[in-house]
Amino acid sequence: PIPVQSKPSPTSEDVESLHELYLQRLSELFEKHKTEYGLG
């Protein structure tokens, strides 16, 4: 999980920053497990 602090009125910068972190974590998850499940 990516811990998220509640911000009732998030700024566009808040959204962009968390979105970038999410994509980074998603990519890391894929890279870590891809060879285990049949991908080169």
PDB file of all heavy atoms in Angstrom:
ATOM      1  N   PRO A   1       0.816  -1.216   0.000  1.00  0.00           N
ATOM      2  CA  PRO A   1       0.000   0.000   0.000  1.00  0.00           C
ATOM      3  C   PRO A   1       0.848   1.264   0.000  1.00  0.00           C
ATOM      4  O   PRO A   1       1.951   1.303   0.562  1.00  0.00           O
ATOM      5  CB  PRO A   1      -0.809  -0.123   1.293  1.00  0.00           C
ATOM      6  CG  PRO A   1       0.063  -0.951   2.194  1.00  0.00           C
ATOM      7  CD  PRO A   1       0.761  -1.925   1.288  1.00  0.00           C
ATOM      8  N   ILE A   2       0.330   2.291  -0.641  1.00  0.00           N
ATOM      9  CA  ILE A   2       0.929   3.624  -0.605  1.00  0.00           C
ATOM     10  C   ILE A   2       0.128   4.444   0.396  1.00  0.00           C
ATOM     11  O   ILE A   2      -1.051   4.744   0.158  1.00  0.00           O
ATOM     12  CB  ILE A   2       0.877   4.296  -1.984  1.00  0.00           C
ATOM     13  CG1 ILE A   2       1.597   3.440  -3.025  1.00  0.00           C
ATOM     14  CG2 ILE A   2       1.479   5.702  -1.918  1.00  0.00           C
ATOM     15  CD1 ILE A   2       1.403   3.934  -4.452  1.00  0.00           C
ATOM     16  N   PRO A   3       0.695   4.798   1.550  1.00  0.00           N
ATOM     17  CA  PRO A   3      -0.054   5.574   2.549  1.00  0.00           C
ATOM     18  C   PRO A   3      -0.470   6.934   1.988  1.00  0.00           C
ATOM     19  O   PRO A   3       0.316   7.602   1.310  1.00  0.00           O
ATOM     20  CB  PRO A   3       0.940   5.735   3.705  1.00  0.00           C
ATOM     21  CG  PRO A   3       1.948   4.642   3.504  1.00  0.00           C
ATOM     22  CD  PRO A   3       2.049   4.462   2.021  1.00  0.00           C
ATOM     23  N   VAL A   4      -1.708   7.308   2.254  1.00  0.00           N
ATOM     24  CA  VAL A   4      -2.240   8.580   1.745  1.00  0.00           C
ATOM     25  C   VAL A   4      -2.867   9.347   2.899  1.00  0.00           C
ATOM     26  O   VAL A   4      -3.720   8.805   3.621  1.00  0.00           O
ATOM     27  CB  VAL A   4      -3.296   8.349   0.635  1.00  0.00           C
ATOM     28  CG1 VAL A   4      -3.856   9.683   0.152  1.00  0.00           C
ATOM     29  CG2 VAL A   4      -2.687   7.571  -0.522  1.00  0.00           C
ATOM     30  N   GLN A   5      -2.443  10.586   3.086  1.00  0.00           N
ATOM     31  CA  GLN A   5      -3.031  11.450   4.092  1.00  0.00           C
ATOM     32  C   GLN A   5      -4.239  12.178   3.502  1.00  0.00           C
ATOM     33  O   GLN A   5      -4.199  12.634   2.355  1.00  0.00           O
ATOM     34  CB  GLN A   5      -1.999  12.473   4.579  1.00  0.00           C
ATOM     35  CG  GLN A   5      -0.809  11.859   5.305  1.00  0.00           C
ATOM     36  CD  GLN A   5      -1.205  11.174   6.593  1.00  0.00           C
ATOM     37  OE1 GLN A   5      -2.085  11.652   7.323  1.00  0.00           O
ATOM     38  NE2 GLN A   5      -0.587  10.031   6.871  1.00  0.00           N
ATOM     39  N   SER A   6      -5.287  12.272   4.286  1.00  0.00           N
ATOM     40  CA  SER A   6      -6.514  12.902   3.810  1.00  0.00           C
ATOM     41  C   SER A   6      -6.312  14.395   3.566  1.00  0.00           C
ATOM     42  O   SER A   6      -5.781  15.123   4.415  1.00  0.00           O
ATOM     43  CB  SER A   6      -7.634  12.698   4.841  1.00  0.00           C
ATOM     44  OG  SER A   6      -8.814  13.361   4.434  1.00  0.00           O
ATOM     45  N   LYS A   7      -6.733  14.845   2.373  1.00  0.00           N
ATOM     46  CA  LYS A   7      -6.713  16.258   2.004  1.00  0.00           C
ATOM     47  C   LYS A   7      -8.043  16.570   1.333  1.00  0.00           C
ATOM     48  O   LYS A   7      -8.217  16.280   0.146  1.00  0.00           O
ATOM     49  CB  LYS A   7      -5.553  16.565   1.064  1.00  0.00           C
ATOM     50  CG  LYS A   7      -4.180  16.429   1.692  1.00  0.00           C
ATOM     51  CD  LYS A   7      -3.078  16.898   0.745  1.00  0.00           C
ATOM     52  CE  LYS A   7      -1.718  16.847   1.418  1.00  0.00           C
ATOM     53  NZ  LYS A   7      -0.640  17.332   0.518  1.00  0.00           N
ATOM     54  N   PRO A   8      -9.003  17.133   2.071  1.00  0.00           N
ATOM     55  CA  PRO A   8     -10.341  17.381   1.508  1.00  0.00           C
ATOM     56  C   PRO A   8     -10.333  18.174   0.206  1.00  0.00           C
ATOM     57  O   PRO A   8     -11.222  18.006  -0.630  1.00  0.00           O
ATOM     58  CB  PRO A   8     -11.040  18.153   2.629  1.00  0.00           C
ATOM     59  CG  PRO A   8     -10.336  17.718   3.880  1.00  0.00           C
ATOM     60  CD  PRO A   8      -8.903  17.542   3.478  1.00  0.00           C
ATOM     61  N   SER A   9      -9.328  19.031   0.025  1.00  0.00           N
ATOM     62  CA  SER A   9      -9.246  19.834  -1.206  1.00  0.00           C
ATOM     63  C   SER A   9      -7.838  19.709  -1.793  1.00  0.00           C
ATOM     64  O   SER A   9      -7.030  20.655  -1.713  1.00  0.00           O
ATOM     65  CB  SER A   9      -9.575  21.303  -0.924  1.00  0.00           C
ATOM     66  OG  SER A   9     -10.888  21.445  -0.418  1.00  0.00           O
ATOM     67  N   PRO A  10      -7.528  18.560  -2.389  1.00  0.00           N
ATOM     68  CA  PRO A  10      -6.171  18.366  -2.923  1.00  0.00           C
ATOM     69  C   PRO A  10      -5.896  19.274  -4.109  1.00  0.00           C
ATOM     70  O   PRO A  10      -6.779  19.546  -4.929  1.00  0.00           O
ATOM     71  CB  PRO A  10      -6.173  16.892  -3.345  1.00  0.00           C
ATOM     72  CG  PRO A  10      -7.607  16.571  -3.607  1.00  0.00           C
ATOM     73  CD  PRO A  10      -8.383  17.388  -2.615  1.00  0.00           C
ATOM     74  N   THR A  11      -4.671  19.764  -4.196  1.00  0.00           N
ATOM     75  CA  THR A  11      -4.268  20.601  -5.319  1.00  0.00           C
ATOM     76  C   THR A  11      -3.873  19.718  -6.502  1.00  0.00           C
ATOM     77  O   THR A  11      -3.678  18.515  -6.364  1.00  0.00           O
ATOM     78  CB  THR A  11      -3.080  21.484  -4.930  1.00  0.00           C
ATOM     79  OG1 THR A  11      -1.943  20.652  -4.666  1.00  0.00           O
ATOM     80  CG2 THR A  11      -3.393  22.312  -3.698  1.00  0.00           C
ATOM     81  N   SER A  12      -3.749  20.331  -7.668  1.00  0.00           N
ATOM     82  CA  SER A  12      -3.322  19.574  -8.845  1.00  0.00           C
ATOM     83  C   SER A  12      -1.919  19.019  -8.646  1.00  0.00           C
ATOM     84  O   SER A  12      -1.589  17.941  -9.144  1.00  0.00           O
ATOM     85  CB  SER A  12      -3.377  20.466 -10.083  1.00  0.00           C
ATOM     86  OG  SER A  12      -2.564  21.617  -9.930  1.00  0.00           O
ATOM     87  N   GLU A  13      -1.085  19.753  -7.884  1.00  0.00           N
ATOM     88  CA  GLU A  13       0.264  19.265  -7.600  1.00  0.00           C
ATOM     89  C   GLU A  13       0.216  18.015  -6.726  1.00  0.00           C
ATOM     90  O   GLU A  13       1.002  17.072  -6.921  1.00  0.00           O
ATOM     91  CB  GLU A  13       1.089  20.350  -6.902  1.00  0.00           C
ATOM     92  CG  GLU A  13       1.486  21.513  -7.787  1.00  0.00           C
ATOM     93  CD  GLU A  13       0.344  22.500  -8.018  1.00  0.00           C
ATOM     94  OE1 GLU A  13      -0.679  22.399  -7.286  1.00  0.00           O
ATOM     95  OE2 GLU A  13       0.460  23.344  -8.929  1.00  0.00           O
ATOM     96  N   ASP A  14      -0.709  17.986  -5.760  1.00  0.00           N
ATOM     97  CA  ASP A  14      -0.882  16.804  -4.911  1.00  0.00           C
ATOM     98  C   ASP A  14      -1.262  15.596  -5.757  1.00  0.00           C
ATOM     99  O   ASP A  14      -0.726  14.492  -5.572  1.00  0.00           O
ATOM    100  CB  ASP A  14      -1.969  17.048  -3.857  1.00  0.00           C
ATOM    101  CG  ASP A  14      -1.591  18.108  -2.839  1.00  0.00           C
ATOM    102  OD1 ASP A  14      -0.386  18.245  -2.552  1.00  0.00           O
ATOM    103  OD2 ASP A  14      -2.500  18.792  -2.343  1.00  0.00           O
ATOM    104  N   VAL A  15      -2.196  15.802  -6.673  1.00  0.00           N
ATOM    105  CA  VAL A  15      -2.678  14.714  -7.518  1.00  0.00           C
ATOM    106  C   VAL A  15      -1.555  14.197  -8.418  1.00  0.00           C
ATOM    107  O   VAL A  15      -1.331  12.989  -8.538  1.00  0.00           O
ATOM    108  CB  VAL A  15      -3.893  15.162  -8.357  1.00  0.00           C
ATOM    109  CG1 VAL A  15      -4.299  14.072  -9.344  1.00  0.00           C
ATOM    110  CG2 VAL A  15      -5.067  15.524  -7.448  1.00  0.00           C
ATOM    111  N   GLU A  16      -0.828  15.129  -9.043  1.00  0.00           N
ATOM    112  CA  GLU A  16       0.252  14.746  -9.951  1.00  0.00           C
ATOM    113  C   GLU A  16       1.334  13.976  -9.222  1.00  0.00           C
ATOM    114  O   GLU A  16       1.849  12.961  -9.718  1.00  0.00           O
ATOM    115  CB  GLU A  16       0.852  15.985 -10.609  1.00  0.00           C
ATOM    116  CG  GLU A  16      -0.033  16.642 -11.655  1.00  0.00           C
ATOM    117  CD  GLU A  16      -0.220  15.776 -12.891  1.00  0.00           C
ATOM    118  OE1 GLU A  16       0.624  14.903 -13.138  1.00  0.00           O
ATOM    119  OE2 GLU A  16      -1.231  15.971 -13.599  1.00  0.00           O
ATOM    120  N   SER A  17       1.701  14.434  -8.043  1.00  0.00           N
ATOM    121  CA  SER A  17       2.763  13.792  -7.277  1.00  0.00           C
ATOM    122  C   SER A  17       2.383  12.369  -6.882  1.00  0.00           C
ATOM    123  O   SER A  17       3.182  11.432  -7.041  1.00  0.00           O
ATOM    124  CB  SER A  17       3.070  14.626  -6.019  1.00  0.00           C
ATOM    125  OG  SER A  17       4.045  13.992  -5.221  1.00  0.00           O
ATOM    126  N   LEU A  18       1.155  12.194  -6.392  1.00  0.00           N
ATOM    127  CA  LEU A  18       0.721  10.861  -5.983  1.00  0.00           C
ATOM    128  C   LEU A  18       0.538   9.948  -7.196  1.00  0.00           C
ATOM    129  O   LEU A  18       0.832   8.751  -7.134  1.00  0.00           O
ATOM    130  CB  LEU A  18      -0.581  10.966  -5.186  1.00  0.00           C
ATOM    131  CG  LEU A  18      -1.128   9.642  -4.617  1.00  0.00           C
ATOM    132  CD1 LEU A  18      -0.091   8.957  -3.743  1.00  0.00           C
ATOM    133  CD2 LEU A  18      -2.412   9.891  -3.817  1.00  0.00           C
ATOM    134  N   HIS A  19       0.075  10.509  -8.299  1.00  0.00           N
ATOM    135  CA  HIS A  19      -0.099   9.726  -9.517  1.00  0.00           C
ATOM    136  C   HIS A  19       1.246   9.197 -10.014  1.00  0.00           C
ATOM    137  O   HIS A  19       1.370   8.025 -10.396  1.00  0.00           O
ATOM    138  CB  HIS A  19      -0.764  10.590 -10.592  1.00  0.00           C
ATOM    139  CG  HIS A  19      -1.136   9.841 -11.829  1.00  0.00           C
ATOM    140  ND1 HIS A  19      -0.451   9.992 -13.025  1.00  0.00           N
ATOM    141  CD2 HIS A  19      -2.108   8.917 -12.076  1.00  0.00           C
ATOM    142  CE1 HIS A  19      -0.990   9.217 -13.941  1.00  0.00           C
ATOM    143  NE2 HIS A  19      -2.000   8.549 -13.402  1.00  0.00           N
ATOM    144  N   GLU A  20       2.272  10.035  -9.997  1.00  0.00           N
ATOM    145  CA  GLU A  20       3.607   9.605 -10.405  1.00  0.00           C
ATOM    146  C   GLU A  20       4.134   8.504  -9.493  1.00  0.00           C
ATOM    147  O   GLU A  20       4.745   7.531  -9.956  1.00  0.00           O
ATOM    148  CB  GLU A  20       4.558  10.804 -10.406  1.00  0.00           C
ATOM    149  CG  GLU A  20       4.304  11.801 -11.522  1.00  0.00           C
ATOM    150  CD  GLU A  20       5.292  12.955 -11.491  1.00  0.00           C
ATOM    151  OE1 GLU A  20       6.285  12.871 -10.732  1.00  0.00           O
ATOM    152  OE2 GLU A  20       5.069  13.939 -12.228  1.00  0.00           O
ATOM    153  N   LEU A  21       3.918   8.657  -8.191  1.00  0.00           N
ATOM    154  CA  LEU A  21       4.361   7.636  -7.245  1.00  0.00           C
ATOM    155  C   LEU A  21       3.629   6.328  -7.487  1.00  0.00           C
ATOM    156  O   LEU A  21       4.237   5.239  -7.444  1.00  0.00           O
ATOM    157  CB  LEU A  21       4.122   8.120  -5.810  1.00  0.00           C
ATOM    158  CG  LEU A  21       4.472   7.123  -4.692  1.00  0.00           C
ATOM    159  CD1 LEU A  21       5.936   6.707  -4.756  1.00  0.00           C
ATOM    160  CD2 LEU A  21       4.126   7.708  -3.329  1.00  0.00           C
ATOM    161  N   TYR A  22       2.329   6.413  -7.764  1.00  0.00           N
ATOM    162  CA  TYR A  22       1.546   5.205  -8.027  1.00  0.00           C
ATOM    163  C   TYR A  22       2.073   4.466  -9.250  1.00  0.00           C
ATOM    164  O   TYR A  22       2.245   3.238  -9.231  1.00  0.00           O
ATOM    165  CB  TYR A  22       0.068   5.562  -8.219  1.00  0.00           C
ATOM    166  CG  TYR A  22      -0.783   4.380  -8.586  1.00  0.00           C
ATOM    167  CD1 TYR A  22      -1.282   3.524  -7.597  1.00  0.00           C
ATOM    168  CD2 TYR A  22      -1.086   4.086  -9.918  1.00  0.00           C
ATOM    169  CE1 TYR A  22      -2.039   2.419  -7.936  1.00  0.00           C
ATOM    170  CE2 TYR A  22      -1.836   2.985 -10.253  1.00  0.00           C
ATOM    171  CZ  TYR A  22      -2.320   2.159  -9.259  1.00  0.00           C
ATOM    172  OH  TYR A  22      -3.062   1.049  -9.598  1.00  0.00           O
ATOM    173  N   LEU A  23       2.337   5.192 -10.340  1.00  0.00           N
ATOM    174  CA  LEU A  23       2.847   4.554 -11.550  1.00  0.00           C
ATOM    175  C   LEU A  23       4.223   3.936 -11.308  1.00  0.00           C
ATOM    176  O   LEU A  23       4.539   2.864 -11.844  1.00  0.00           O
ATOM    177  CB  LEU A  23       2.921   5.577 -12.686  1.00  0.00           C
ATOM    178  CG  LEU A  23       1.590   6.136 -13.186  1.00  0.00           C
ATOM    179  CD1 LEU A  23       1.819   7.042 -14.393  1.00  0.00           C
ATOM    180  CD2 LEU A  23       0.611   5.021 -13.543  1.00  0.00           C
ATOM    181  N   GLN A  24       5.024   4.583 -10.490  1.00  0.00           N
ATOM    182  CA  GLN A  24       6.340   4.035 -10.158  1.00  0.00           C
ATOM    183  C   GLN A  24       6.195   2.717  -9.396  1.00  0.00           C
ATOM    184  O   GLN A  24       6.871   1.724  -9.711  1.00  0.00           O
ATOM    185  CB  GLN A  24       7.117   5.040  -9.302  1.00  0.00           C
ATOM    186  CG  GLN A  24       8.482   4.533  -8.841  1.00  0.00           C
ATOM    187  CD  GLN A  24       9.152   5.495  -7.866  1.00  0.00           C
ATOM    188  OE1 GLN A  24       8.917   6.702  -7.906  1.00  0.00           O
ATOM    189  NE2 GLN A  24       9.971   4.953  -6.981  1.00  0.00           N
ATOM    190  N   ARG A  25       5.297   2.692  -8.409  1.00  0.00           N
ATOM    191  CA  ARG A  25       5.086   1.471  -7.627  1.00  0.00           C
ATOM    192  C   ARG A  25       4.483   0.351  -8.476  1.00  0.00           C
ATOM    193  O   ARG A  25       4.829  -0.822  -8.309  1.00  0.00           O
ATOM    194  CB  ARG A  25       4.178   1.771  -6.436  1.00  0.00           C
ATOM    195  CG  ARG A  25       4.799   2.698  -5.406  1.00  0.00           C
ATOM    196  CD  ARG A  25       5.917   2.024  -4.633  1.00  0.00           C
ATOM    197  NE  ARG A  25       6.446   2.889  -3.594  1.00  0.00           N
ATOM    198  CZ  ARG A  25       5.928   3.001  -2.373  1.00  0.00           C
ATOM    199  NH1 ARG A  25       4.859   2.275  -2.053  1.00  0.00           N
ATOM    200  NH2 ARG A  25       6.459   3.810  -1.480  1.00  0.00           N
ATOM    201  N   LEU A  26       3.600   0.707  -9.394  1.00  0.00           N
ATOM    202  CA  LEU A  26       3.011  -0.285 -10.284  1.00  0.00           C
ATOM    203  C   LEU A  26       4.079  -0.897 -11.178  1.00  0.00           C
ATOM    204  O   LEU A  26       4.132  -2.120 -11.373  1.00  0.00           O
ATOM    205  CB  LEU A  26       1.917   0.367 -11.126  1.00  0.00           C
ATOM    206  CG  LEU A  26       1.288  -0.495 -12.234  1.00  0.00           C
ATOM    207  CD1 LEU A  26       0.639  -1.747 -11.652  1.00  0.00           C
ATOM    208  CD2 LEU A  26       0.269   0.321 -13.029  1.00  0.00           C
ATOM    209  N   SER A  27       4.945  -0.064 -11.724  1.00  0.00           N
ATOM    210  CA  SER A  27       6.029  -0.544 -12.581  1.00  0.00           C
ATOM    211  C   SER A  27       6.976  -1.446 -11.794  1.00  0.00           C
ATOM    212  O   SER A  27       7.415  -2.491 -12.284  1.00  0.00           O
ATOM    213  CB  SER A  27       6.788   0.650 -13.171  1.00  0.00           C
ATOM    214  OG  SER A  27       7.803   0.203 -14.051  1.00  0.00           O
ATOM    215  N   GLU A  28       7.291  -1.057 -10.564  1.00  0.00           N
ATOM    216  CA  GLU A  28       8.178  -1.868  -9.725  1.00  0.00           C
ATOM    217  C   GLU A  28       7.549  -3.228  -9.412  1.00  0.00           C
ATOM    218  O   GLU A  28       8.250  -4.254  -9.400  1.00  0.00           O
ATOM    219  CB  GLU A  28       8.488  -1.120  -8.428  1.00  0.00           C
ATOM    220  CG  GLU A  28       9.375   0.098  -8.622  1.00  0.00           C
ATOM    221  CD  GLU A  28       9.507   0.925  -7.355  1.00  0.00           C
ATOM    222  OE1 GLU A  28       8.808   0.619  -6.364  1.00  0.00           O
ATOM    223  OE2 GLU A  28      10.290   1.908  -7.362  1.00  0.00           O
ATOM    224  N   LEU A  29       6.260  -3.244  -9.163  1.00  0.00           N
ATOM    225  CA  LEU A  29       5.562  -4.495  -8.893  1.00  0.00           C
ATOM    226  C   LEU A  29       5.647  -5.424 -10.092  1.00  0.00           C
ATOM    227  O   LEU A  29       5.932  -6.623  -9.957  1.00  0.00           O
ATOM    228  CB  LEU A  29       4.094  -4.203  -8.548  1.00  0.00           C
ATOM    229  CG  LEU A  29       3.201  -5.415  -8.249  1.00  0.00           C
ATOM    230  CD1 LEU A  29       3.594  -6.045  -6.917  1.00  0.00           C
ATOM    231  CD2 LEU A  29       1.728  -5.004  -8.218  1.00  0.00           C
ATOM    232  N   PHE A  30       5.407  -4.877 -11.284  1.00  0.00           N
ATOM    233  CA  PHE A  30       5.483  -5.670 -12.505  1.00  0.00           C
ATOM    234  C   PHE A  30       6.891  -6.211 -12.727  1.00  0.00           C
ATOM    235  O   PHE A  30       7.081  -7.399 -13.006  1.00  0.00           O
ATOM    236  CB  PHE A  30       5.051  -4.816 -13.698  1.00  0.00           C
ATOM    237  CG  PHE A  30       5.224  -5.500 -15.027  1.00  0.00           C
ATOM    238  CD1 PHE A  30       4.274  -6.394 -15.494  1.00  0.00           C
ATOM    239  CD2 PHE A  30       6.344  -5.247 -15.812  1.00  0.00           C
ATOM    240  CE1 PHE A  30       4.436  -7.033 -16.716  1.00  0.00           C
ATOM    241  CE2 PHE A  30       6.512  -5.875 -17.038  1.00  0.00           C
ATOM    242  CZ  PHE A  30       5.560  -6.777 -17.487  1.00  0.00           C
ATOM    243  N   GLU A  31       7.890  -5.350 -12.620  1.00  0.00           N
ATOM    244  CA  GLU A  31       9.265  -5.752 -12.869  1.00  0.00           C
ATOM    245  C   GLU A  31       9.726  -6.826 -11.893  1.00  0.00           C
ATOM    246  O   GLU A  31      10.486  -7.735 -12.254  1.00  0.00           O
ATOM    247  CB  GLU A  31      10.193  -4.537 -12.784  1.00  0.00           C
ATOM    248  CG  GLU A  31       9.980  -3.492 -13.869  1.00  0.00           C
ATOM    249  CD  GLU A  31      10.339  -4.006 -15.258  1.00  0.00           C
ATOM    250  OE1 GLU A  31      11.227  -4.871 -15.359  1.00  0.00           O
ATOM    251  OE2 GLU A  31       9.719  -3.544 -16.240  1.00  0.00           O
ATOM    252  N   LYS A  32       9.274  -6.751 -10.662  1.00  0.00           N
ATOM    253  CA  LYS A  32       9.696  -7.702  -9.640  1.00  0.00           C
ATOM    254  C   LYS A  32       9.150  -9.100  -9.895  1.00  0.00           C
ATOM    255  O   LYS A  32       9.820 -10.107  -9.612  1.00  0.00           O
ATOM    256  CB  LYS A  32       9.249  -7.213  -8.255  1.00  0.00           C
ATOM    257  CG  LYS A  32       9.669  -8.136  -7.113  1.00  0.00           C
ATOM    258  CD  LYS A  32       9.244  -7.563  -5.768  1.00  0.00           C
ATOM    259  CE  LYS A  32       9.667  -8.480  -4.625  1.00  0.00           C
ATOM    260  NZ  LYS A  32       9.275  -7.927  -3.299  1.00  0.00           N
ATOM    261  N   HIS A  33       7.960  -9.207 -10.464  1.00  0.00           N
ATOM    262  CA  HIS A  33       7.292 -10.506 -10.570  1.00  0.00           C
ATOM    263  C   HIS A  33       7.176 -11.045 -11.995  1.00  0.00           C
ATOM    264  O   HIS A  33       6.731 -12.184 -12.176  1.00  0.00           O
ATOM    265  CB  HIS A  33       5.894 -10.411  -9.959  1.00  0.00           C
ATOM    266  CG  HIS A  33       5.894 -10.142  -8.487  1.00  0.00           C
ATOM    267  ND1 HIS A  33       6.051 -11.135  -7.542  1.00  0.00           N
ATOM    268  CD2 HIS A  33       5.758  -8.974  -7.791  1.00  0.00           C
ATOM    269  CE1 HIS A  33       6.016 -10.606  -6.328  1.00  0.00           C
ATOM    270  NE2 HIS A  33       5.846  -9.302  -6.450  1.00  0.00           N
ATOM    271  N   LYS A  34       7.536 -10.270 -13.002  1.00  0.00           N
ATOM    272  CA  LYS A  34       7.249 -10.668 -14.386  1.00  0.00           C
ATOM    273  C   LYS A  34       7.900 -11.985 -14.794  1.00  0.00           C
ATOM    274  O   LYS A  34       7.264 -12.816 -15.460  1.00  0.00           O
ATOM    275  CB  LYS A  34       7.651  -9.553 -15.349  1.00  0.00           C
ATOM    276  CG  LYS A  34       9.140  -9.236 -15.385  1.00  0.00           C
ATOM    277  CD  LYS A  34       9.434  -8.080 -16.343  1.00  0.00           C
ATOM    278  CE  LYS A  34      10.924  -7.766 -16.413  1.00  0.00           C
ATOM    279  NZ  LYS A  34      11.201  -6.622 -17.311  1.00  0.00           N
ATOM    280  N   THR A  35       9.165 -12.220 -14.444  1.00  0.00           N
ATOM    281  CA  THR A  35       9.828 -13.462 -14.871  1.00  0.00           C
ATOM    282  C   THR A  35       9.247 -14.679 -14.154  1.00  0.00           C
ATOM    283  O   THR A  35       9.246 -15.781 -14.697  1.00  0.00           O
ATOM    284  CB  THR A  35      11.345 -13.380 -14.622  1.00  0.00           C
ATOM    285  OG1 THR A  35      11.588 -13.086 -13.243  1.00  0.00           O
ATOM    286  CG2 THR A  35      11.967 -12.296 -15.484  1.00  0.00           C
ATOM    287  N   GLU A  36       8.735 -14.452 -12.947  1.00  0.00           N
ATOM    288  CA  GLU A  36       8.133 -15.549 -12.181  1.00  0.00           C
ATOM    289  C   GLU A  36       6.857 -16.063 -12.841  1.00  0.00           C
ATOM    290  O   GLU A  36       6.496 -17.234 -12.692  1.00  0.00           O
ATOM    291  CB  GLU A  36       7.827 -15.055 -10.764  1.00  0.00           C
ATOM    292  CG  GLU A  36       7.325 -16.122  -9.813  1.00  0.00           C
ATOM    293  CD  GLU A  36       7.093 -15.591  -8.409  1.00  0.00           C
ATOM    294  OE1 GLU A  36       7.466 -14.403  -8.153  1.00  0.00           O
ATOM    295  OE2 GLU A  36       6.554 -16.333  -7.575  1.00  0.00           O
ATOM    296  N   TYR A  37       6.199 -15.201 -13.604  1.00  0.00           N
ATOM    297  CA  TYR A  37       4.918 -15.577 -14.212  1.00  0.00           C
ATOM    298  C   TYR A  37       4.968 -15.566 -15.738  1.00  0.00           C
ATOM    299  O   TYR A  37       3.990 -15.242 -16.399  1.00  0.00           O
ATOM    300  CB  TYR A  37       3.814 -14.669 -13.676  1.00  0.00           C
ATOM    301  CG  TYR A  37       3.660 -14.815 -12.173  1.00  0.00           C
ATOM    302  CD1 TYR A  37       3.908 -13.740 -11.323  1.00  0.00           C
ATOM    303  CD2 TYR A  37       3.327 -16.048 -11.617  1.00  0.00           C
ATOM    304  CE1 TYR A  37       3.803 -13.886  -9.945  1.00  0.00           C
ATOM    305  CE2 TYR A  37       3.225 -16.205 -10.236  1.00  0.00           C
ATOM    306  CZ  TYR A  37       3.468 -15.127  -9.413  1.00  0.00           C
ATOM    307  OH  TYR A  37       3.379 -15.292  -8.050  1.00  0.00           O
ATOM    308  N   GLY A  38       6.116 -15.925 -16.275  1.00  0.00           N
ATOM    309  CA  GLY A  38       6.199 -16.267 -17.688  1.00  0.00           C
ATOM    310  C   GLY A  38       6.591 -15.187 -18.663  1.00  0.00           C
ATOM    311  O   GLY A  38       6.551 -15.407 -19.878  1.00  0.00           O
ATOM    312  N   LEU A  39       6.989 -14.006 -18.181  1.00  0.00           N
ATOM    313  CA  LEU A  39       7.399 -12.931 -19.083  1.00  0.00           C
ATOM    314  C   LEU A  39       8.914 -12.784 -19.074  1.00  0.00           C
ATOM    315  O   LEU A  39       9.563 -12.964 -18.042  1.00  0.00           O
ATOM    316  CB  LEU A  39       6.742 -11.607 -18.688  1.00  0.00           C
ATOM    317  CG  LEU A  39       5.226 -11.535 -18.854  1.00  0.00           C
ATOM    318  CD1 LEU A  39       4.703 -10.210 -18.310  1.00  0.00           C
ATOM    319  CD2 LEU A  39       4.817 -11.713 -20.300  1.00  0.00           C
ATOM    320  N   GLY A  40       9.472 -12.445 -20.225  1.00  0.00           N
ATOM    321  CA  GLY A  40      10.904 -12.285 -20.338  1.00  0.00           C
ATOM    322  C   GLY A  40      11.403 -11.004 -19.703  1.00  0.00           C
ATOM    323  O   GLY A  40      10.639 -10.053 -19.503  1.00  0.00           O
TER     324      GLY A  40
END
